[in-house]
Amino acid sequence: MAADMGMTNKQFQGFIRLALGWLEKALQKSPDNEDLKKLKDIFQSMLEDD
């Protein structure tokens, strides 16, 4: 998947980690937001599949 986007695996993982960090901050402000929780789960699974 990362190669299809023109990114190296390391760059792709870095992007996912960055997004997860921002999702975590958003969840601290809105801990009951189910959409943010689902999005975080999706991003986390993308990182774990690698």
Protein backbone atom coordinates (compact mmCIF):
# COMPACT_ATOMS: atom_id res chain seq x y z
CA MET A 1 0.00 0.00 0.00
CA ALA A 2 2.77 2.45 0.88
CA ALA A 3 4.52 1.88 -2.44
CA ASP A 4 1.30 2.70 -4.31
CA MET A 5 1.28 6.16 -2.73
CA GLY A 6 4.90 6.85 -3.61
CA MET A 7 6.03 6.62 0.00
CA THR A 8 8.55 4.36 1.61
CA ASN A 9 7.38 2.04 4.37
CA LYS A 10 9.18 4.21 6.92
CA GLN A 11 7.46 7.37 5.66
CA PHE A 12 4.07 5.66 5.71
CA GLN A 13 4.57 4.46 9.29
CA GLY A 14 5.67 7.96 10.28
CA PHE A 15 2.50 9.43 8.80
CA ILE A 16 0.33 6.90 10.63
CA ARG A 17 2.12 7.58 13.94
CA LEU A 18 1.67 11.33 13.44
CA ALA A 19 -2.04 10.89 12.74
CA LEU A 20 -2.42 8.61 15.77
CA GLY A 21 -0.85 11.29 17.95
CA TRP A 22 -3.33 13.90 16.76
CA LEU A 23 -6.22 11.46 17.17
CA GLU A 24 -5.12 10.81 20.73
CA LYS A 25 -5.12 14.56 21.45
CA ALA A 26 -8.59 14.90 19.93
CA LEU A 27 -9.84 11.99 22.04
CA GLN A 28 -8.55 13.66 25.19
CA LYS A 29 -10.79 16.64 24.38
CA SER A 30 -13.74 14.47 23.30
CA PRO A 31 -13.34 11.06 24.97
CA ASP A 32 -16.88 9.95 24.07
CA ASN A 33 -16.53 10.61 20.32
CA GLU A 34 -17.17 7.20 18.74
CA ASP A 35 -16.10 8.35 15.27
CA LEU A 36 -12.67 9.36 16.57
CA LYS A 37 -12.35 6.04 18.38
CA LYS A 38 -13.17 4.12 15.19
CA LEU A 39 -10.73 6.19 13.16
CA LYS A 40 -8.00 5.61 15.72
CA ASP A 41 -8.67 1.86 15.58
CA ILE A 42 -8.40 1.91 11.78
CA PHE A 43 -5.10 3.79 11.84
CA GLN A 44 -3.76 1.52 14.59
CA SER A 45 -4.62 -1.57 12.54
CA MET A 46 -2.82 -0.08 9.53
CA LEU A 47 0.30 0.26 11.64
CA GLU A 48 0.03 -3.26 13.08
CA ASP A 49 -0.53 -4.89 9.66
CA ASP A 50 2.83 -3.63 8.44
